[in-house]
């Protein structure tokens, strides 16, 4: 079985993330979307809320499983018997950081491969931080996230 992990904070999961997941489903038998605890990033939403949003947004993808994690990604990959990591690249600014992380993970587990996917052009500007910024000013975000995620965010913000 070709199993890959798509890790991230997903604070919240966006249409850009979903674009990457949809395309990865054509390449792999199973995609594990791994939602990182990432307290150091000070997420807007709790880990449980981010897992709930990710599960809701990916419910129509039969190849996708969502898990939360708070350990090294290489350890999670070993636990889940996955040897491929999927990462998204929106711009050149993402590349240097992602390359460093890919090399660091490979230094810890040489059998772990990282592949990089670019989102479709229509989603190239979408990031969780853009969504959070717009959300902070009560701006319109429904075109940047799945309807299920929008519904959950509206419920949380009540």
N, C-alpha and C. Protein backbone atom coordinates (compact mmCIF):
# COMPACT_ATOMS: atom_id res chain seq x y z
N UNK A 1 0.84 -1.18 0.00
CA UNK A 1 0.00 0.00 0.00
C UNK A 1 0.89 1.25 0.00
N UNK A 2 0.56 2.18 -0.87
CA UNK A 2 1.28 3.45 -0.91
C UNK A 2 0.58 4.44 0.01
N UNK A 3 1.19 4.66 1.17
CA UNK A 3 0.61 5.52 2.20
C UNK A 3 1.50 6.75 2.36
N UNK A 4 0.86 7.92 2.34
CA UNK A 4 1.60 9.18 2.48
C UNK A 4 0.98 10.00 3.61
N UNK A 5 1.80 10.83 4.21
CA UNK A 5 1.35 11.73 5.27
C UNK A 5 1.41 13.17 4.74
N UNK A 6 0.32 13.89 4.95
CA UNK A 6 0.28 15.32 4.64
C UNK A 6 0.16 16.05 5.98
N UNK A 7 1.29 16.50 6.54
CA UNK A 7 1.26 17.14 7.85
C UNK A 7 1.07 18.65 7.75
N UNK A 8 0.52 19.21 8.81
CA UNK A 8 0.39 20.65 8.87
C UNK A 8 -0.37 21.06 10.11
N UNK A 9 -0.42 22.35 10.33
CA UNK A 9 -1.19 22.87 11.45
C UNK A 9 -2.66 22.96 11.08
N UNK A 10 -2.94 23.26 9.81
CA UNK A 10 -4.31 23.34 9.30
C UNK A 10 -5.17 24.21 10.22
N UNK A 11 -4.75 25.47 10.35
CA UNK A 11 -5.37 26.40 11.30
C UNK A 11 -6.00 27.60 10.60
N UNK A 12 -7.08 27.43 9.85
CA UNK A 12 -7.84 26.22 9.54
C UNK A 12 -7.40 25.60 8.21
N UNK A 13 -7.97 24.45 7.89
CA UNK A 13 -7.72 23.83 6.59
C UNK A 13 -8.39 24.71 5.52
N UNK A 14 -7.68 24.92 4.42
CA UNK A 14 -8.16 25.81 3.36
C UNK A 14 -8.44 25.03 2.07
N UNK A 15 -8.99 25.74 1.10
CA UNK A 15 -9.19 25.12 -0.21
C UNK A 15 -7.85 24.78 -0.88
N UNK A 16 -6.81 25.51 -0.54
CA UNK A 16 -5.48 25.17 -1.05
C UNK A 16 -5.02 23.82 -0.53
N UNK A 17 -5.22 23.59 0.77
CA UNK A 17 -4.89 22.28 1.34
C UNK A 17 -5.71 21.18 0.67
N UNK A 18 -6.99 21.45 0.49
CA UNK A 18 -7.87 20.44 -0.10
C UNK A 18 -7.48 20.13 -1.54
N UNK A 19 -6.99 21.13 -2.25
CA UNK A 19 -6.51 20.92 -3.61
C UNK A 19 -5.32 19.95 -3.61
N UNK A 20 -4.40 20.14 -2.69
CA UNK A 20 -3.24 19.25 -2.56
C UNK A 20 -3.71 17.83 -2.21
N UNK A 21 -4.63 17.72 -1.26
CA UNK A 21 -5.14 16.41 -0.83
C UNK A 21 -5.82 15.69 -1.99
N UNK A 22 -6.65 16.40 -2.71
CA UNK A 22 -7.37 15.80 -3.85
C UNK A 22 -6.39 15.25 -4.88
N UNK A 23 -5.36 16.01 -5.18
CA UNK A 23 -4.39 15.57 -6.18
C UNK A 23 -3.54 14.43 -5.65
N UNK A 24 -3.21 14.46 -4.36
CA UNK A 24 -2.43 13.37 -3.77
C UNK A 24 -3.22 12.07 -3.77
N UNK A 25 -4.53 12.15 -3.68
CA UNK A 25 -5.36 10.94 -3.70
C UNK A 25 -5.22 10.19 -5.03
N UNK A 26 -4.84 10.87 -6.09
CA UNK A 26 -4.61 10.22 -7.39
C UNK A 26 -3.28 9.48 -7.41
N UNK A 27 -2.40 9.79 -6.47
CA UNK A 27 -1.06 9.21 -6.46
C UNK A 27 -0.86 8.11 -5.43
N UNK A 28 -1.67 8.14 -4.37
CA UNK A 28 -1.44 7.23 -3.26
C UNK A 28 -2.71 6.48 -2.89
N UNK A 29 -2.52 5.33 -2.24
CA UNK A 29 -3.65 4.51 -1.80
C UNK A 29 -4.31 5.10 -0.56
N UNK A 30 -3.50 5.72 0.28
CA UNK A 30 -4.02 6.33 1.51
C UNK A 30 -3.25 7.60 1.81
N UNK A 31 -3.98 8.64 2.19
CA UNK A 31 -3.39 9.91 2.61
C UNK A 31 -3.78 10.11 4.07
N UNK A 32 -2.79 10.25 4.91
CA UNK A 32 -3.04 10.55 6.31
C UNK A 32 -2.79 12.04 6.49
N UNK A 33 -3.85 12.77 6.75
CA UNK A 33 -3.72 14.20 7.02
C UNK A 33 -3.43 14.31 8.52
N UNK A 34 -2.21 14.72 8.83
CA UNK A 34 -1.74 14.77 10.21
C UNK A 34 -1.77 16.20 10.72
N UNK A 35 -2.67 16.46 11.64
CA UNK A 35 -2.87 17.79 12.19
C UNK A 35 -1.94 17.95 13.40
N UNK A 36 -0.99 18.86 13.26
CA UNK A 36 0.02 19.06 14.31
C UNK A 36 -0.53 19.91 15.45
N UNK A 37 -0.18 19.52 16.65
CA UNK A 37 -0.57 20.28 17.84
C UNK A 37 -0.02 21.71 17.73
N UNK A 38 1.27 21.86 17.46
CA UNK A 38 1.92 23.14 17.15
C UNK A 38 1.60 24.29 18.10
N UNK A 39 1.68 24.04 19.38
CA UNK A 39 1.43 25.13 20.34
C UNK A 39 2.40 26.28 20.16
N UNK A 40 3.60 26.00 19.64
CA UNK A 40 4.58 27.07 19.43
C UNK A 40 4.11 28.08 18.38
N UNK A 41 3.22 27.65 17.49
CA UNK A 41 2.67 28.55 16.48
C UNK A 41 1.48 29.35 16.99
N UNK A 42 1.04 29.04 18.21
CA UNK A 42 -0.11 29.71 18.81
C UNK A 42 -1.33 29.70 17.87
N UNK A 43 -1.85 28.51 17.58
CA UNK A 43 -2.97 28.44 16.64
C UNK A 43 -4.23 29.13 17.16
N UNK A 44 -5.04 29.60 16.25
CA UNK A 44 -6.31 30.25 16.59
C UNK A 44 -7.31 29.23 17.12
N UNK A 45 -7.26 28.02 16.54
CA UNK A 45 -8.21 26.97 16.90
C UNK A 45 -7.49 25.86 17.67
N UNK A 46 -8.23 25.19 18.54
CA UNK A 46 -7.64 24.10 19.30
C UNK A 46 -7.33 22.92 18.37
N UNK A 47 -6.51 22.02 18.84
CA UNK A 47 -6.20 20.83 18.06
C UNK A 47 -7.49 20.07 17.73
N UNK A 48 -8.36 19.92 18.70
CA UNK A 48 -9.62 19.19 18.48
C UNK A 48 -10.48 19.88 17.42
N UNK A 49 -10.55 21.21 17.46
CA UNK A 49 -11.33 21.95 16.47
C UNK A 49 -10.73 21.78 15.07
N UNK A 50 -9.38 21.83 14.99
CA UNK A 50 -8.72 21.69 13.69
C UNK A 50 -8.90 20.27 13.13
N UNK A 51 -8.87 19.28 14.01
CA UNK A 51 -9.14 17.90 13.56
C UNK A 51 -10.58 17.80 13.06
N UNK A 52 -11.52 18.37 13.80
CA UNK A 52 -12.93 18.34 13.41
C UNK A 52 -13.14 19.01 12.04
N UNK A 53 -12.52 20.18 11.84
CA UNK A 53 -12.64 20.88 10.56
C UNK A 53 -12.05 20.05 9.42
N UNK A 54 -10.89 19.45 9.69
CA UNK A 54 -10.21 18.66 8.66
C UNK A 54 -11.02 17.41 8.31
N UNK A 55 -11.58 16.77 9.31
CA UNK A 55 -12.42 15.60 9.05
C UNK A 55 -13.66 15.99 8.24
N UNK A 56 -14.27 17.10 8.60
CA UNK A 56 -15.46 17.56 7.88
C UNK A 56 -15.13 17.91 6.43
N UNK A 57 -14.00 18.58 6.22
CA UNK A 57 -13.61 19.01 4.87
C UNK A 57 -13.20 17.85 3.98
N UNK A 58 -12.74 16.75 4.57
CA UNK A 58 -12.23 15.62 3.78
C UNK A 58 -13.16 14.41 3.80
N UNK A 59 -14.36 14.57 4.32
CA UNK A 59 -15.26 13.42 4.46
C UNK A 59 -15.62 12.76 3.13
N UNK A 60 -15.52 13.50 2.04
CA UNK A 60 -15.85 12.92 0.73
C UNK A 60 -14.64 12.26 0.05
N UNK A 61 -13.51 12.23 0.74
CA UNK A 61 -12.31 11.61 0.20
C UNK A 61 -12.12 10.25 0.89
N UNK A 62 -12.50 9.16 0.25
CA UNK A 62 -12.42 7.86 0.92
C UNK A 62 -11.00 7.41 1.26
N UNK A 63 -10.01 7.95 0.60
CA UNK A 63 -8.62 7.55 0.85
C UNK A 63 -7.98 8.32 2.00
N UNK A 64 -8.70 9.27 2.58
CA UNK A 64 -8.12 10.15 3.59
C UNK A 64 -8.50 9.73 5.00
N UNK A 65 -7.49 9.73 5.86
CA UNK A 65 -7.66 9.51 7.30
C UNK A 65 -7.04 10.72 7.98
N UNK A 66 -7.69 11.23 9.03
CA UNK A 66 -7.20 12.40 9.75
C UNK A 66 -6.76 11.98 11.15
N UNK A 67 -5.56 12.41 11.53
CA UNK A 67 -5.05 12.15 12.87
C UNK A 67 -4.44 13.43 13.43
N UNK A 68 -4.42 13.53 14.74
CA UNK A 68 -3.69 14.61 15.40
C UNK A 68 -2.37 14.04 15.89
N UNK A 69 -1.37 14.93 16.03
CA UNK A 69 -0.09 14.44 16.55
C UNK A 69 0.68 15.54 17.26
N UNK A 70 1.55 15.07 18.19
CA UNK A 70 2.40 16.00 18.94
C UNK A 70 3.77 15.38 19.17
N UNK A 71 4.34 14.87 18.10
CA UNK A 71 5.66 14.25 18.15
C UNK A 71 6.39 14.60 16.88
N UNK A 72 7.62 14.13 16.76
CA UNK A 72 8.35 14.34 15.51
C UNK A 72 7.63 13.66 14.37
N UNK A 73 7.60 14.31 13.23
CA UNK A 73 6.94 13.76 12.06
C UNK A 73 7.55 12.42 11.66
N UNK A 74 8.86 12.27 11.78
CA UNK A 74 9.49 11.00 11.42
C UNK A 74 9.01 9.88 12.32
N UNK A 75 8.75 10.17 13.59
CA UNK A 75 8.23 9.16 14.50
C UNK A 75 6.79 8.80 14.14
N UNK A 76 5.99 9.80 13.78
CA UNK A 76 4.62 9.53 13.35
C UNK A 76 4.63 8.67 12.09
N UNK A 77 5.50 9.01 11.15
CA UNK A 77 5.59 8.23 9.91
C UNK A 77 5.93 6.77 10.21
N UNK A 78 6.84 6.56 11.13
CA UNK A 78 7.20 5.19 11.49
C UNK A 78 6.01 4.48 12.14
N UNK A 79 5.33 5.16 13.06
CA UNK A 79 4.16 4.57 13.73
C UNK A 79 3.08 4.17 12.73
N UNK A 80 2.91 5.00 11.69
CA UNK A 80 1.84 4.78 10.71
C UNK A 80 2.30 3.99 9.48
N UNK A 81 3.56 3.58 9.50
CA UNK A 81 4.14 2.82 8.39
C UNK A 81 3.98 3.55 7.06
N UNK A 82 4.33 4.83 7.09
CA UNK A 82 4.31 5.67 5.89
C UNK A 82 5.73 6.13 5.62
N UNK A 83 6.13 6.13 4.36
CA UNK A 83 7.49 6.57 4.04
C UNK A 83 7.51 7.76 3.08
N UNK A 84 6.36 8.39 2.91
CA UNK A 84 6.28 9.56 2.03
C UNK A 84 5.58 10.70 2.77
N UNK A 85 6.19 11.87 2.69
CA UNK A 85 5.60 13.08 3.24
C UNK A 85 5.23 13.98 2.08
N UNK A 86 4.04 14.53 2.14
CA UNK A 86 3.57 15.48 1.12
C UNK A 86 3.63 16.87 1.73
N UNK A 87 4.19 17.79 1.00
CA UNK A 87 4.21 19.19 1.42
C UNK A 87 3.78 20.06 0.25
N UNK A 88 3.12 21.16 0.55
CA UNK A 88 2.69 22.09 -0.47
C UNK A 88 3.65 23.26 -0.58
N UNK A 89 3.84 23.73 -1.79
CA UNK A 89 4.68 24.90 -2.06
C UNK A 89 3.85 25.92 -2.83
N UNK A 90 3.63 27.08 -2.22
CA UNK A 90 2.87 28.14 -2.88
C UNK A 90 3.78 29.11 -3.61
N UNK A 91 4.92 29.40 -3.00
CA UNK A 91 5.80 30.43 -3.55
C UNK A 91 7.25 30.09 -3.20
N UNK A 92 8.15 30.85 -3.79
CA UNK A 92 9.57 30.64 -3.53
C UNK A 92 9.86 30.78 -2.03
N UNK A 93 9.13 31.65 -1.35
CA UNK A 93 9.35 31.85 0.08
C UNK A 93 9.10 30.58 0.88
N UNK A 94 8.23 29.70 0.42
CA UNK A 94 7.99 28.42 1.09
C UNK A 94 9.14 27.45 0.87
N UNK A 95 9.80 27.56 -0.26
CA UNK A 95 10.74 26.54 -0.69
C UNK A 95 11.91 26.33 0.28
N UNK A 96 12.55 27.41 0.72
CA UNK A 96 13.73 27.26 1.57
C UNK A 96 13.40 26.53 2.87
N UNK A 97 12.32 26.94 3.52
CA UNK A 97 11.91 26.29 4.76
C UNK A 97 11.57 24.82 4.52
N UNK A 98 10.80 24.55 3.50
CA UNK A 98 10.38 23.17 3.21
C UNK A 98 11.57 22.29 2.84
N UNK A 99 12.51 22.84 2.11
CA UNK A 99 13.71 22.08 1.76
C UNK A 99 14.50 21.72 3.02
N UNK A 100 14.67 22.67 3.92
CA UNK A 100 15.37 22.40 5.18
C UNK A 100 14.67 21.31 5.98
N UNK A 101 13.35 21.40 6.07
CA UNK A 101 12.59 20.40 6.82
C UNK A 101 12.70 19.02 6.16
N UNK A 102 12.64 19.00 4.84
CA UNK A 102 12.79 17.73 4.11
C UNK A 102 14.14 17.09 4.37
N UNK A 103 15.19 17.89 4.35
CA UNK A 103 16.53 17.37 4.63
C UNK A 103 16.65 16.93 6.09
N UNK A 104 16.08 17.69 7.01
CA UNK A 104 16.14 17.31 8.43
C UNK A 104 15.43 15.98 8.65
N UNK A 105 14.26 15.82 8.05
CA UNK A 105 13.53 14.56 8.19
C UNK A 105 14.32 13.40 7.57
N UNK A 106 14.94 13.63 6.42
CA UNK A 106 15.74 12.59 5.77
C UNK A 106 16.96 12.23 6.59
N UNK A 107 17.50 13.20 7.34
CA UNK A 107 18.66 12.90 8.18
C UNK A 107 18.27 12.00 9.35
N UNK A 108 17.01 12.10 9.78
CA UNK A 108 16.51 11.27 10.87
C UNK A 108 16.02 9.91 10.39
N UNK A 109 15.55 9.87 9.15
CA UNK A 109 15.09 8.62 8.55
C UNK A 109 15.36 8.67 7.04
N UNK A 110 16.46 8.06 6.60
CA UNK A 110 16.83 8.12 5.18
C UNK A 110 15.82 7.47 4.24
N UNK A 111 14.92 6.64 4.78
CA UNK A 111 13.90 6.00 3.95
C UNK A 111 12.66 6.87 3.75
N UNK A 112 12.63 8.01 4.40
CA UNK A 112 11.49 8.91 4.32
C UNK A 112 11.69 9.89 3.17
N UNK A 113 10.79 9.86 2.22
CA UNK A 113 10.84 10.75 1.06
C UNK A 113 9.85 11.89 1.23
N UNK A 114 10.22 13.07 0.79
CA UNK A 114 9.31 14.22 0.80
C UNK A 114 9.03 14.61 -0.64
N UNK A 115 7.75 14.73 -0.96
CA UNK A 115 7.38 15.23 -2.28
C UNK A 115 6.66 16.57 -2.10
N UNK A 116 6.86 17.45 -3.06
CA UNK A 116 6.31 18.79 -2.98
C UNK A 116 5.30 18.97 -4.10
N UNK A 117 4.12 19.44 -3.73
CA UNK A 117 3.07 19.71 -4.72
C UNK A 117 2.70 21.18 -4.66
N UNK A 118 2.51 21.75 -5.82
CA UNK A 118 2.04 23.13 -5.89
C UNK A 118 0.52 23.11 -5.96
N UNK A 119 -0.14 24.02 -5.26
CA UNK A 119 -1.59 24.09 -5.41
C UNK A 119 -1.93 24.62 -6.80
N UNK A 120 -3.14 24.37 -7.23
CA UNK A 120 -3.60 24.95 -8.49
C UNK A 120 -3.50 26.47 -8.41
N UNK A 121 -3.34 27.10 -9.54
CA UNK A 121 -3.14 28.55 -9.60
C UNK A 121 -4.22 29.32 -8.83
N UNK A 122 -5.47 28.86 -8.91
CA UNK A 122 -6.55 29.58 -8.23
C UNK A 122 -6.42 29.56 -6.71
N UNK A 123 -5.61 28.62 -6.18
CA UNK A 123 -5.43 28.53 -4.73
C UNK A 123 -4.03 28.94 -4.27
N UNK A 124 -3.21 29.45 -5.19
CA UNK A 124 -1.81 29.73 -4.88
C UNK A 124 -1.64 30.79 -3.79
N UNK A 125 -2.58 31.69 -3.64
CA UNK A 125 -2.46 32.75 -2.64
C UNK A 125 -3.10 32.38 -1.31
N UNK A 126 -3.82 31.27 -1.26
CA UNK A 126 -4.58 30.91 -0.07
C UNK A 126 -3.67 30.26 0.97
N UNK A 127 -3.72 30.79 2.17
CA UNK A 127 -3.00 30.19 3.29
C UNK A 127 -3.87 30.32 4.53
N UNK A 128 -3.58 29.49 5.52
CA UNK A 128 -4.32 29.58 6.78
C UNK A 128 -4.14 30.95 7.42
N UNK A 129 -2.94 31.52 7.30
CA UNK A 129 -2.71 32.83 7.92
C UNK A 129 -3.54 33.92 7.23
N UNK A 130 -3.73 33.82 5.91
CA UNK A 130 -4.59 34.77 5.21
C UNK A 130 -6.02 34.63 5.72
N UNK A 131 -6.49 33.39 5.85
CA UNK A 131 -7.84 33.15 6.35
C UNK A 131 -8.00 33.70 7.77
N UNK A 132 -7.02 33.45 8.64
CA UNK A 132 -7.10 33.95 10.02
C UNK A 132 -7.12 35.47 10.07
N UNK A 133 -6.33 36.12 9.23
CA UNK A 133 -6.30 37.58 9.20
C UNK A 133 -7.65 38.14 8.77
N UNK A 134 -8.21 37.59 7.71
CA UNK A 134 -9.52 38.05 7.24
C UNK A 134 -10.58 37.78 8.31
N UNK A 135 -10.49 36.61 8.92
CA UNK A 135 -11.45 36.22 9.97
C UNK A 135 -11.37 37.18 11.16
N UNK A 136 -10.19 37.60 11.52
CA UNK A 136 -10.00 38.51 12.66
C UNK A 136 -10.74 39.84 12.45
N UNK A 137 -10.90 40.23 11.19
CA UNK A 137 -11.61 41.47 10.86
C UNK A 137 -13.02 41.21 10.35
N UNK A 138 -13.48 39.97 10.59
CA UNK A 138 -14.84 39.55 10.22
C UNK A 138 -15.11 39.73 8.73
N UNK A 139 -14.07 39.50 7.94
CA UNK A 139 -14.22 39.57 6.48
C UNK A 139 -14.76 38.27 5.91
N UNK A 140 -14.98 38.29 4.62
CA UNK A 140 -15.56 37.14 3.91
C UNK A 140 -14.48 36.08 3.66
N UNK A 141 -14.71 34.86 4.15
CA UNK A 141 -13.73 33.77 3.98
C UNK A 141 -14.32 32.55 3.29
N UNK A 142 -15.61 32.57 2.98
CA UNK A 142 -16.26 31.36 2.48
C UNK A 142 -15.71 30.89 1.13
N UNK A 143 -15.06 31.74 0.37
CA UNK A 143 -14.47 31.33 -0.90
C UNK A 143 -13.07 30.72 -0.71
N UNK A 144 -12.55 30.75 0.52
CA UNK A 144 -11.20 30.25 0.80
C UNK A 144 -11.20 28.92 1.54
N UNK A 145 -12.34 28.52 2.07
CA UNK A 145 -12.45 27.29 2.85
C UNK A 145 -13.68 26.50 2.42
N UNK A 146 -13.70 25.23 2.77
CA UNK A 146 -14.84 24.38 2.45
C UNK A 146 -16.07 24.83 3.24
N UNK A 147 -17.27 24.65 2.68
CA UNK A 147 -18.50 25.05 3.40
C UNK A 147 -18.60 24.42 4.79
N UNK A 148 -18.16 23.18 4.92
CA UNK A 148 -18.22 22.49 6.22
C UNK A 148 -17.33 23.19 7.25
N UNK A 149 -16.18 23.65 6.80
CA UNK A 149 -15.25 24.35 7.68
C UNK A 149 -15.83 25.71 8.06
N UNK A 150 -16.42 26.38 7.10
CA UNK A 150 -17.04 27.68 7.36
C UNK A 150 -18.14 27.53 8.41
N UNK A 151 -18.95 26.50 8.30
CA UNK A 151 -20.02 26.25 9.25
C UNK A 151 -19.45 26.04 10.66
N UNK A 152 -18.39 25.23 10.78
CA UNK A 152 -17.79 24.96 12.08
C UNK A 152 -17.22 26.24 12.69
N UNK A 153 -16.54 27.03 11.87
CA UNK A 153 -15.97 28.29 12.37
C UNK A 153 -17.08 29.22 12.87
N UNK A 154 -18.17 29.31 12.12
CA UNK A 154 -19.28 30.16 12.56
C UNK A 154 -19.84 29.68 13.89
N UNK A 155 -19.93 28.37 14.09
CA UNK A 155 -20.41 27.81 15.36
C UNK A 155 -19.44 28.11 16.50
N UNK A 156 -18.15 28.00 16.23
CA UNK A 156 -17.13 28.27 17.26
C UNK A 156 -17.17 29.74 17.66
N UNK A 157 -17.36 30.63 16.68
CA UNK A 157 -17.32 32.08 16.94
C UNK A 157 -18.59 32.62 17.60
N UNK A 158 -19.63 31.79 17.74
CA UNK A 158 -20.88 32.26 18.36
C UNK A 158 -20.66 32.59 19.82
